[in-house]
Amino acid sequence: MLVDFYVGNIAFETTEEELQKLFEVAGKVRSIHMITDHQTGQFKGCAYVKMADVKVREVVDTLDGALLGPRKIEVSEARPQKPGPPARPGSGKKPNRPGKRRL
């Protein structure tokens, strides 16, 4: 069974390899997705780690609050992504949402 974990408060200079090495203490890491800003490409300090054959509570208890570089990371089970409105065909962009203006 695959489980996704959300990892927050990651130092901006942290590498994917460092994150993988830490999570392998708790089990088999299948993939890591470091979240970056779409416009600048800069790392946003959070990631999703997919692990196989692990107990959620044990991973969270082991790694939540662990020191990774200069920061204590936050680890929790990832919540399913909420479906958003469909994109406009051919635009490659998300539709405008009520209450938000484009400048």
PDB file of N, CA and C in Angstrom:
ATOM      1  N   MET A   1       0.830  -1.174   0.000  1.00  0.00           N
ATOM      2  CA  MET A   1       0.000   0.000   0.000  1.00  0.00           C
ATOM      3  C   MET A   1       0.882   1.248   0.000  1.00  0.00           C
ATOM      4  N   LEU A   2       0.585   2.201  -0.878  1.00  0.00           N
ATOM      5  CA  LEU A   2       1.340   3.447  -0.951  1.00  0.00           C
ATOM      6  C   LEU A   2       0.668   4.513  -0.105  1.00  0.00           C
ATOM      7  N   VAL A   3       1.482   5.287   0.601  1.00  0.00           N
ATOM      8  CA  VAL A   3       0.978   6.361   1.456  1.00  0.00           C
ATOM      9  C   VAL A   3       1.733   7.637   1.104  1.00  0.00           C
ATOM     10  N   ASP A   4       0.991   8.755   0.967  1.00  0.00           N
ATOM     11  CA  ASP A   4       1.603  10.060   0.709  1.00  0.00           C
ATOM     12  C   ASP A   4       1.699  10.837   2.010  1.00  0.00           C
ATOM     13  N   PHE A   5       2.849  11.468   2.219  1.00  0.00           N
ATOM     14  CA  PHE A   5       3.069  12.321   3.382  1.00  0.00           C
ATOM     15  C   PHE A   5       3.373  13.734   2.920  1.00  0.00           C
ATOM     16  N   TYR A   6       2.801  14.706   3.634  1.00  0.00           N
ATOM     17  CA  TYR A   6       3.116  16.108   3.398  1.00  0.00           C
ATOM     18  C   TYR A   6       4.235  16.480   4.357  1.00  0.00           C
ATOM     19  N   VAL A   7       5.247  17.167   3.844  1.00  0.00           N
ATOM     20  CA  VAL A   7       6.384  17.589   4.660  1.00  0.00           C
ATOM     21  C   VAL A   7       6.522  19.101   4.525  1.00  0.00           C
ATOM     22  N   GLY A   8       6.428  19.804   5.644  1.00  0.00           N
ATOM     23  CA  GLY A   8       6.535  21.260   5.634  1.00  0.00           C
ATOM     24  C   GLY A   8       7.702  21.745   6.457  1.00  0.00           C
ATOM     25  N   ASN A   9       7.946  23.041   6.349  1.00  0.00           N
ATOM     26  CA  ASN A   9       9.016  23.727   7.080  1.00  0.00           C
ATOM     27  C   ASN A   9      10.400  23.199   6.707  1.00  0.00           C
ATOM     28  N   ILE A  10      10.572  22.876   5.433  1.00  0.00           N
ATOM     29  CA  ILE A  10      11.861  22.384   4.942  1.00  0.00           C
ATOM     30  C   ILE A  10      12.729  23.588   4.579  1.00  0.00           C
ATOM     31  N   ALA A  11      13.982  23.563   4.978  1.00  0.00           N
ATOM     32  CA  ALA A  11      14.915  24.637   4.609  1.00  0.00           C
ATOM     33  C   ALA A  11      15.042  24.694   3.090  1.00  0.00           C
ATOM     34  N   PHE A  12      15.124  25.895   2.545  1.00  0.00           N
ATOM     35  CA  PHE A  12      15.143  26.084   1.089  1.00  0.00           C
ATOM     36  C   PHE A  12      16.350  25.451   0.413  1.00  0.00           C
ATOM     37  N   GLU A  13      17.435  25.261   1.140  1.00  0.00           N
ATOM     38  CA  GLU A  13      18.635  24.668   0.536  1.00  0.00           C
ATOM     39  C   GLU A  13      18.649  23.137   0.604  1.00  0.00           C
ATOM     40  N   THR A  14      17.620  22.537   1.185  1.00  0.00           N
ATOM     41  CA  THR A  14      17.538  21.079   1.317  1.00  0.00           C
ATOM     42  C   THR A  14      17.404  20.425  -0.058  1.00  0.00           C
ATOM     43  N   THR A  15      18.115  19.333  -0.254  1.00  0.00           N
ATOM     44  CA  THR A  15      18.034  18.605  -1.523  1.00  0.00           C
ATOM     45  C   THR A  15      17.066  17.425  -1.403  1.00  0.00           C
ATOM     46  N   GLU A  16      16.645  16.940  -2.544  1.00  0.00           N
ATOM     47  CA  GLU A  16      15.780  15.759  -2.591  1.00  0.00           C
ATOM     48  C   GLU A  16      16.496  14.556  -1.965  1.00  0.00           C
ATOM     49  N   GLU A  17      17.780  14.438  -2.203  1.00  0.00           N
ATOM     50  CA  GLU A  17      18.550  13.333  -1.659  1.00  0.00           C
ATOM     51  C   GLU A  17      18.576  13.364  -0.128  1.00  0.00           C
ATOM     52  N   GLU A  18      18.711  14.555   0.453  1.00  0.00           N
ATOM     53  CA  GLU A  18      18.720  14.681   1.916  1.00  0.00           C
ATOM     54  C   GLU A  18      17.367  14.277   2.501  1.00  0.00           C
ATOM     55  N   LEU A  19      16.292  14.701   1.838  1.00  0.00           N
ATOM     56  CA  LEU A  19      14.954  14.351   2.302  1.00  0.00           C
ATOM     57  C   LEU A  19      14.728  12.845   2.195  1.00  0.00           C
ATOM     58  N   GLN A  20      15.165  12.249   1.095  1.00  0.00           N
ATOM     59  CA  GLN A  20      15.013  10.810   0.911  1.00  0.00           C
ATOM     60  C   GLN A  20      15.789  10.036   1.972  1.00  0.00           C
ATOM     61  N   LYS A  21      17.000  10.467   2.244  1.00  0.00           N
ATOM     62  CA  LYS A  21      17.838   9.789   3.240  1.00  0.00           C
ATOM     63  C   LYS A  21      17.152   9.798   4.616  1.00  0.00           C
ATOM     64  N   LEU A  22      16.554  10.922   4.986  1.00  0.00           N
ATOM     65  CA  LEU A  22      15.869  11.013   6.267  1.00  0.00           C
ATOM     66  C   LEU A  22      14.658  10.085   6.296  1.00  0.00           C
ATOM     67  N   PHE A  23      13.847  10.093   5.251  1.00  0.00           N
ATOM     68  CA  PHE A  23      12.624   9.292   5.247  1.00  0.00           C
ATOM     69  C   PHE A  23      12.902   7.797   5.142  1.00  0.00           C
ATOM     70  N   GLU A  24      14.035   7.404   4.580  1.00  0.00           N
ATOM     71  CA  GLU A  24      14.373   5.988   4.489  1.00  0.00           C
ATOM     72  C   GLU A  24      14.629   5.367   5.857  1.00  0.00           C
ATOM     73  N   VAL A  25      14.813   6.189   6.874  1.00  0.00           N
ATOM     74  CA  VAL A  25      14.919   5.691   8.247  1.00  0.00           C
ATOM     75  C   VAL A  25      13.606   5.010   8.642  1.00  0.00           C
ATOM     76  N   ALA A  26      12.483   5.492   8.076  1.00  0.00           N
ATOM     77  CA  ALA A  26      11.158   4.975   8.437  1.00  0.00           C
ATOM     78  C   ALA A  26      10.608   3.950   7.447  1.00  0.00           C
ATOM     79  N   GLY A  27      11.256   3.753   6.285  1.00  0.00           N
ATOM     80  CA  GLY A  27      10.750   2.778   5.325  1.00  0.00           C
ATOM     81  C   GLY A  27      11.157   3.096   3.896  1.00  0.00           C
ATOM     82  N   LYS A  28      10.538   2.359   2.966  1.00  0.00           N
ATOM     83  CA  LYS A  28      10.872   2.467   1.547  1.00  0.00           C
ATOM     84  C   LYS A  28      10.230   3.699   0.923  1.00  0.00           C
ATOM     85  N   VAL A  29      11.063   4.602   0.390  1.00  0.00           N
ATOM     86  CA  VAL A  29      10.590   5.800  -0.295  1.00  0.00           C
ATOM     87  C   VAL A  29      10.396   5.474  -1.769  1.00  0.00           C
ATOM     88  N   ARG A  30       9.188   5.725  -2.279  1.00  0.00           N
ATOM     89  CA  ARG A  30       8.897   5.464  -3.698  1.00  0.00           C
ATOM     90  C   ARG A  30       9.136   6.693  -4.563  1.00  0.00           C
ATOM     91  N   SER A  31       8.758   7.871  -4.044  1.00  0.00           N
ATOM     92  CA  SER A  31       8.980   9.098  -4.816  1.00  0.00           C
ATOM     93  C   SER A  31       8.928  10.302  -3.891  1.00  0.00           C
ATOM     94  N   ILE A  32       9.536  11.388  -4.383  1.00  0.00           N
ATOM     95  CA  ILE A  32       9.524  12.664  -3.666  1.00  0.00           C
ATOM     96  C   ILE A  32       9.178  13.741  -4.675  1.00  0.00           C
ATOM     97  N   HIS A  33       8.252  14.617  -4.276  1.00  0.00           N
ATOM     98  CA  HIS A  33       7.879  15.744  -5.131  1.00  0.00           C
ATOM     99  C   HIS A  33       8.110  17.026  -4.337  1.00  0.00           C
ATOM    100  N   MET A  34       9.170  17.740  -4.677  1.00  0.00           N
ATOM    101  CA  MET A  34       9.495  19.011  -4.024  1.00  0.00           C
ATOM    102  C   MET A  34       8.651  20.094  -4.696  1.00  0.00           C
ATOM    103  N   ILE A  35       7.901  20.857  -3.928  1.00  0.00           N
ATOM    104  CA  ILE A  35       7.005  21.867  -4.470  1.00  0.00           C
ATOM    105  C   ILE A  35       7.795  23.125  -4.818  1.00  0.00           C
ATOM    106  N   THR A  36       7.624  23.583  -6.063  1.00  0.00           N
ATOM    107  CA  THR A  36       8.310  24.783  -6.525  1.00  0.00           C
ATOM    108  C   THR A  36       7.295  25.803  -7.031  1.00  0.00           C
ATOM    109  N   ASP A  37       7.698  27.055  -7.023  1.00  0.00           N
ATOM    110  CA  ASP A  37       6.882  28.139  -7.560  1.00  0.00           C
ATOM    111  C   ASP A  37       6.829  27.978  -9.080  1.00  0.00           C
ATOM    112  N   HIS A  38       5.636  28.045  -9.645  1.00  0.00           N
ATOM    113  CA  HIS A  38       5.486  27.837 -11.090  1.00  0.00           C
ATOM    114  C   HIS A  38       6.182  28.907 -11.924  1.00  0.00           C
ATOM    115  N   GLN A  39       6.244  30.125 -11.411  1.00  0.00           N
ATOM    116  CA  GLN A  39       6.839  31.218 -12.187  1.00  0.00           C
ATOM    117  C   GLN A  39       8.349  31.301 -12.022  1.00  0.00           C
ATOM    118  N   THR A  40       8.833  31.139 -10.799  1.00  0.00           N
ATOM    119  CA  THR A  40      10.267  31.330 -10.559  1.00  0.00           C
ATOM    120  C   THR A  40      11.056  30.027 -10.520  1.00  0.00           C
ATOM    121  N   GLY A  41      10.356  28.913 -10.265  1.00  0.00           N
ATOM    122  CA  GLY A  41      11.041  27.631 -10.147  1.00  0.00           C
ATOM    123  C   GLY A  41      11.712  27.435  -8.796  1.00  0.00           C
ATOM    124  N   GLN A  42      11.554  28.388  -7.872  1.00  0.00           N
ATOM    125  CA  GLN A  42      12.178  28.280  -6.560  1.00  0.00           C
ATOM    126  C   GLN A  42      11.415  27.308  -5.674  1.00  0.00           C
ATOM    127  N   PHE A  43      12.157  26.559  -4.879  1.00  0.00           N
ATOM    128  CA  PHE A  43      11.592  25.614  -3.929  1.00  0.00           C
ATOM    129  C   PHE A  43      10.806  26.376  -2.875  1.00  0.00           C
ATOM    130  N   LYS A  44       9.602  25.884  -2.542  1.00  0.00           N
ATOM    131  CA  LYS A  44       8.716  26.587  -1.612  1.00  0.00           C
ATOM    132  C   LYS A  44       8.810  26.083  -0.165  1.00  0.00           C
ATOM    133  N   GLY A  45       9.691  25.128   0.108  1.00  0.00           N
ATOM    134  CA  GLY A  45       9.884  24.684   1.485  1.00  0.00           C
ATOM    135  C   GLY A  45       8.939  23.583   1.925  1.00  0.00           C
ATOM    136  N   CYS A  46       8.289  22.912   0.969  1.00  0.00           N
ATOM    137  CA  CYS A  46       7.430  21.782   1.309  1.00  0.00           C
ATOM    138  C   CYS A  46       7.525  20.724   0.214  1.00  0.00           C
ATOM    139  N   ALA A  47       7.108  19.506   0.570  1.00  0.00           N
ATOM    140  CA  ALA A  47       7.237  18.396  -0.370  1.00  0.00           C
ATOM    141  C   ALA A  47       6.214  17.319  -0.040  1.00  0.00           C
ATOM    142  N   TYR A  48       6.048  16.409  -0.984  1.00  0.00           N
ATOM    143  CA  TYR A  48       5.235  15.213  -0.776  1.00  0.00           C
ATOM    144  C   TYR A  48       6.148  14.016  -0.945  1.00  0.00           C
ATOM    145  N   VAL A  49       6.076  13.102   0.013  1.00  0.00           N
ATOM    146  CA  VAL A  49       6.886  11.886  -0.021  1.00  0.00           C
ATOM    147  C   VAL A  49       5.939  10.700  -0.079  1.00  0.00           C
ATOM    148  N   LYS A  50       6.110   9.857  -1.089  1.00  0.00           N
ATOM    149  CA  LYS A  50       5.299   8.646  -1.240  1.00  0.00           C
ATOM    150  C   LYS A  50       6.120   7.468  -0.742  1.00  0.00           C
ATOM    151  N   MET A  51       5.511   6.704   0.194  1.00  0.00           N
ATOM    152  CA  MET A  51       6.210   5.565   0.786  1.00  0.00           C
ATOM    153  C   MET A  51       5.363   4.306   0.618  1.00  0.00           C
ATOM    154  N   ALA A  52       6.035   3.158   0.615  1.00  0.00           N
ATOM    155  CA  ALA A  52       5.354   1.873   0.462  1.00  0.00           C
ATOM    156  C   ALA A  52       5.460   1.058   1.738  1.00  0.00           C
ATOM    157  N   ASP A  53       4.371   0.363   2.037  1.00  0.00           N
ATOM    158  CA  ASP A  53       4.361  -0.610   3.130  1.00  0.00           C
ATOM    159  C   ASP A  53       4.827  -0.019   4.470  1.00  0.00           C
ATOM    160  N   VAL A  54       4.259   1.124   4.836  1.00  0.00           N
ATOM    161  CA  VAL A  54       4.586   1.746   6.117  1.00  0.00           C
ATOM    162  C   VAL A  54       3.297   2.010   6.895  1.00  0.00           C
ATOM    163  N   LYS A  55       3.442   2.165   8.194  1.00  0.00           N
ATOM    164  CA  LYS A  55       2.314   2.535   9.046  1.00  0.00           C
ATOM    165  C   LYS A  55       2.363   4.045   9.232  1.00  0.00           C
ATOM    166  N   VAL A  56       1.277   4.710   8.866  1.00  0.00           N
ATOM    167  CA  VAL A  56       1.226   6.170   8.881  1.00  0.00           C
ATOM    168  C   VAL A  56       1.633   6.726  10.240  1.00  0.00           C
ATOM    169  N   ARG A  57       1.028   6.226  11.293  1.00  0.00           N
ATOM    170  CA  ARG A  57       1.289   6.743  12.637  1.00  0.00           C
ATOM    171  C   ARG A  57       2.767   6.624  13.008  1.00  0.00           C
ATOM    172  N   GLU A  58       3.390   5.507  12.652  1.00  0.00           N
ATOM    173  CA  GLU A  58       4.800   5.308  12.982  1.00  0.00           C
ATOM    174  C   GLU A  58       5.706   6.298  12.246  1.00  0.00           C
ATOM    175  N   VAL A  59       5.405   6.530  10.975  1.00  0.00           N
ATOM    176  CA  VAL A  59       6.213   7.479  10.198  1.00  0.00           C
ATOM    177  C   VAL A  59       6.059   8.881  10.776  1.00  0.00           C
ATOM    178  N   VAL A  60       4.825   9.291  11.049  1.00  0.00           N
ATOM    179  CA  VAL A  60       4.584  10.624  11.604  1.00  0.00           C
ATOM    180  C   VAL A  60       5.244  10.757  12.975  1.00  0.00           C
ATOM    181  N   ASP A  61       5.071   9.759  13.835  1.00  0.00           N
ATOM    182  CA  ASP A  61       5.676   9.815  15.168  1.00  0.00           C
ATOM    183  C   ASP A  61       7.209   9.881  15.095  1.00  0.00           C
ATOM    184  N   THR A  62       7.787   9.193  14.125  1.00  0.00           N
ATOM    185  CA  THR A  62       9.241   9.149  13.990  1.00  0.00           C
ATOM    186  C   THR A  62       9.813  10.437  13.401  1.00  0.00           C
ATOM    187  N   LEU A  63       9.140  10.999  12.393  1.00  0.00           N
ATOM    188  CA  LEU A  63       9.752  12.090  11.633  1.00  0.00           C
ATOM    189  C   LEU A  63       9.195  13.485  11.897  1.00  0.00           C
ATOM    190  N   ASP A  64       7.976  13.593  12.421  1.00  0.00           N
ATOM    191  CA  ASP A  64       7.430  14.921  12.694  1.00  0.00           C
ATOM    192  C   ASP A  64       8.269  15.575  13.792  1.00  0.00           C
ATOM    193  N   GLY A  65       8.808  16.745  13.498  1.00  0.00           N
ATOM    194  CA  GLY A  65       9.674  17.445  14.448  1.00  0.00           C
ATOM    195  C   GLY A  65      11.141  17.086  14.318  1.00  0.00           C
ATOM    196  N   ALA A  66      11.480  16.195  13.378  1.00  0.00           N
ATOM    197  CA  ALA A  66      12.887  15.821  13.177  1.00  0.00           C
ATOM    198  C   ALA A  66      13.668  17.003  12.620  1.00  0.00           C
ATOM    199  N   LEU A  67      14.910  17.081  12.970  1.00  0.00           N
ATOM    200  CA  LEU A  67      15.783  18.141  12.490  1.00  0.00           C
ATOM    201  C   LEU A  67      16.342  17.747  11.127  1.00  0.00           C
ATOM    202  N   LEU A  68      16.093  18.589  10.140  1.00  0.00           N
ATOM    203  CA  LEU A  68      16.642  18.400   8.791  1.00  0.00           C
ATOM    204  C   LEU A  68      17.339  19.702   8.441  1.00  0.00           C
ATOM    205  N   GLY A  69      18.672  19.692   8.490  1.00  0.00           N
ATOM    206  CA  GLY A  69      19.411  20.944   8.339  1.00  0.00           C
ATOM    207  C   GLY A  69      19.123  21.812   9.554  1.00  0.00           C
ATOM    208  N   PRO A  70      18.850  23.093   9.314  1.00  0.00           N
ATOM    209  CA  PRO A  70      18.635  24.002  10.446  1.00  0.00           C
ATOM    210  C   PRO A  70      17.199  24.039  10.971  1.00  0.00           C
ATOM    211  N   ARG A  71      16.278  23.262  10.387  1.00  0.00           N
ATOM    212  CA  ARG A  71      14.867  23.356  10.770  1.00  0.00           C
ATOM    213  C   ARG A  71      14.274  22.032  11.224  1.00  0.00           C
ATOM    214  N   LYS A  72      13.247  22.146  12.084  1.00  0.00           N
ATOM    215  CA  LYS A  72      12.445  20.987  12.456  1.00  0.00           C
ATOM    216  C   LYS A  72      11.323  20.875  11.440  1.00  0.00           C
ATOM    217  N   ILE A  73      11.265  19.745  10.749  1.00  0.00           N
ATOM    218  CA  ILE A  73      10.242  19.574   9.715  1.00  0.00           C
ATOM    219  C   ILE A  73       8.917  19.156  10.337  1.00  0.00           C
ATOM    220  N   GLU A  74       7.847  19.384   9.574  1.00  0.00           N
ATOM    221  CA  GLU A  74       6.501  18.970   9.967  1.00  0.00           C
ATOM    222  C   GLU A  74       6.070  17.864   9.015  1.00  0.00           C
ATOM    223  N   VAL A  75       5.636  16.745   9.556  1.00  0.00           N
ATOM    224  CA  VAL A  75       5.229  15.599   8.733  1.00  0.00           C
ATOM    225  C   VAL A  75       3.817  15.189   9.112  1.00  0.00           C
ATOM    226  N   SER A  76       2.975  15.004   8.093  1.00  0.00           N
ATOM    227  CA  SER A  76       1.612  14.520   8.312  1.00  0.00           C
ATOM    228  C   SER A  76       1.188  13.717   7.092  1.00  0.00           C
ATOM    229  N   GLU A  77       0.150  12.915   7.268  1.00  0.00           N
ATOM    230  CA  GLU A  77      -0.385  12.200   6.113  1.00  0.00           C
ATOM    231  C   GLU A  77      -1.005  13.227   5.187  1.00  0.00           C
ATOM    232  N   ALA A  78      -0.708  13.123   3.895  1.00  0.00           N
ATOM    233  CA  ALA A  78      -1.249  14.067   2.923  1.00  0.00           C
ATOM    234  C   ALA A  78      -2.743  13.845   2.753  1.00  0.00           C
ATOM    235  N   ARG A  79      -3.473  14.947   2.658  1.00  0.00           N
ATOM    236  CA  ARG A  79      -4.909  14.858   2.390  1.00  0.00           C
ATOM    237  C   ARG A  79      -5.121  14.800   0.889  1.00  0.00           C
ATOM    238  N   PRO A  80      -6.179  14.115   0.445  1.00  0.00           N
ATOM    239  CA  PRO A  80      -6.456  14.072  -0.995  1.00  0.00           C
ATOM    240  C   PRO A  80      -6.692  15.472  -1.540  1.00  0.00           C
ATOM    241  N   GLN A  81      -6.211  15.699  -2.757  1.00  0.00           N
ATOM    242  CA  GLN A  81      -6.380  17.002  -3.388  1.00  0.00           C
ATOM    243  C   GLN A  81      -7.842  17.208  -3.761  1.00  0.00           C
ATOM    244  N   LYS A  82      -8.359  18.395  -3.468  1.00  0.00           N
ATOM    245  CA  LYS A  82      -9.734  18.719  -3.825  1.00  0.00           C
ATOM    246  C   LYS A  82      -9.804  18.987  -5.322  1.00  0.00           C
ATOM    247  N   PRO A  83     -10.824  18.447  -5.987  1.00  0.00           N
ATOM    248  CA  PRO A  83     -10.941  18.729  -7.420  1.00  0.00           C
ATOM    249  C   PRO A  83     -11.311  20.197  -7.637  1.00  0.00           C
ATOM    250  N   GLY A  84     -10.636  20.833  -8.548  1.00  0.00           N
ATOM    251  CA  GLY A  84     -10.915  22.228  -8.866  1.00  0.00           C
ATOM    252  C   GLY A  84     -11.807  22.320 -10.085  1.00  0.00           C
ATOM    253  N   PRO A  85     -12.183  23.529 -10.469  1.00  0.00           N
ATOM    254  CA  PRO A  85     -12.999  23.696 -11.665  1.00  0.00           C
ATOM    255  C   PRO A  85     -12.199  23.286 -12.899  1.00  0.00           C
ATOM    256  N   PRO A  86     -12.870  22.806 -13.929  1.00  0.00           N
ATOM    257  CA  PRO A  86     -12.147  22.396 -15.133  1.00  0.00           C
ATOM    258  C   PRO A  86     -11.506  23.592 -15.827  1.00  0.00           C
ATOM    259  N   ALA A  87     -10.377  23.342 -16.453  1.00  0.00           N
ATOM    260  CA  ALA A  87      -9.686  24.393 -17.191  1.00  0.00           C
ATOM    261  C   ALA A  87     -10.441  24.685 -18.480  1.00  0.00           C
ATOM    262  N   ARG A  88     -10.297  25.907 -18.957  1.00  0.00           N
ATOM    263  CA  ARG A  88     -10.921  26.263 -20.236  1.00  0.00           C
ATOM    264  C   ARG A  88     -10.185  25.535 -21.354  1.00  0.00           C
ATOM    265  N   PRO A  89     -10.920  24.934 -22.267  1.00  0.00           N
ATOM    266  CA  PRO A  89     -10.271  24.195 -23.361  1.00  0.00           C
ATOM    267  C   PRO A  89      -9.321  25.074 -24.159  1.00  0.00           C
ATOM    268  N   GLY A  90      -8.122  24.543 -24.376  1.00  0.00           N
ATOM    269  CA  GLY A  90      -7.150  25.215 -25.234  1.00  0.00           C
ATOM    270  C   GLY A  90      -6.400  26.361 -24.597  1.00  0.00           C
ATOM    271  N   SER A  91      -6.766  26.778 -23.389  1.00  0.00           N
ATOM    272  CA  SER A  91      -6.106  27.936 -22.793  1.00  0.00           C
ATOM    273  C   SER A  91      -4.830  27.567 -22.058  1.00  0.00           C
ATOM    274  N   GLY A  92      -4.792  26.351 -21.502  1.00  0.00           N
ATOM    275  CA  GLY A  92      -3.652  25.954 -20.701  1.00  0.00           C
ATOM    276  C   GLY A  92      -3.623  26.658 -19.361  1.00  0.00           C
ATOM    277  N   LYS A  93      -4.699  27.376 -19.048  1.00  0.00           N
ATOM    278  CA  LYS A  93      -4.782  28.108 -17.791  1.00  0.00           C
ATOM    279  C   LYS A  93      -5.999  27.673 -17.013  1.00  0.00           C
ATOM    280  N   LYS A  94      -5.949  27.911 -15.713  1.00  0.00           N
ATOM    281  CA  LYS A  94      -7.106  27.638 -14.878  1.00  0.00           C
ATOM    282  C   LYS A  94      -8.118  28.761 -15.079  1.00  0.00           C
ATOM    283  N   PRO A  95      -9.404  28.455 -14.953  1.00  0.00           N
ATOM    284  CA  PRO A  95     -10.404  29.503 -15.124  1.00  0.00           C
ATOM    285  C   PRO A  95     -10.350  30.502 -13.978  1.00  0.00           C
ATOM    286  N   ASN A  96     -10.836  31.725 -14.266  1.00  0.00           N
ATOM    287  CA  ASN A  96     -10.921  32.730 -13.205  1.00  0.00           C
ATOM    288  C   ASN A  96     -11.919  32.262 -12.171  1.00  0.00           C
ATOM    289  N   ARG A  97     -11.608  32.530 -10.928  1.00  0.00           N
ATOM    290  CA  ARG A  97     -12.529  32.174  -9.860  1.00  0.00           C
ATOM    291  C   ARG A  97     -13.238  33.433  -9.402  1.00  0.00           C
ATOM    292  N   PRO A  98     -14.509  33.323  -9.015  1.00  0.00           N
ATOM    293  CA  PRO A  98     -15.219  34.502  -8.533  1.00  0.00           C
ATOM    294  C   PRO A  98     -14.480  35.119  -7.357  1.00  0.00           C
ATOM    295  N   GLY A  99     -14.453  36.437  -7.335  1.00  0.00           N
ATOM    296  CA  GLY A  99     -13.812  37.138  -6.231  1.00  0.00           C
ATOM    297  C   GLY A  99     -12.318  37.386  -6.431  1.00  0.00           C
ATOM    298  N   LYS A 100     -11.740  36.831  -7.464  1.00  0.00           N
ATOM    299  CA  LYS A 100     -10.324  37.055  -7.740  1.00  0.00           C
ATOM    300  C   LYS A 100     -10.208  37.793  -9.059  1.00  0.00           C
ATOM    301  N   ARG A 101      -9.384  38.823  -9.065  1.00  0.00           N
ATOM    302  CA  ARG A 101      -9.195  39.598 -10.281  1.00  0.00           C
ATOM    303  C   ARG A 101      -7.830  39.328 -10.850  1.00  0.00           C
ATOM    304  N   ARG A 102      -7.760  39.335 -12.134  1.00  0.00           N
ATOM    305  CA  ARG A 102      -6.468  39.252 -12.806  1.00  0.00           C
ATOM    306  C   ARG A 102      -6.020  40.660 -13.128  1.00  0.00           C
ATOM    307  N   LEU A 103      -4.771  40.929 -12.863  1.00  0.00           N
ATOM    308  CA  LEU A 103      -4.247  42.277 -13.140  1.00  0.00           C
ATOM    309  C   LEU A 103      -3.427  42.282 -14.387  1.00  0.00           C
TER     310      LEU A 103
END
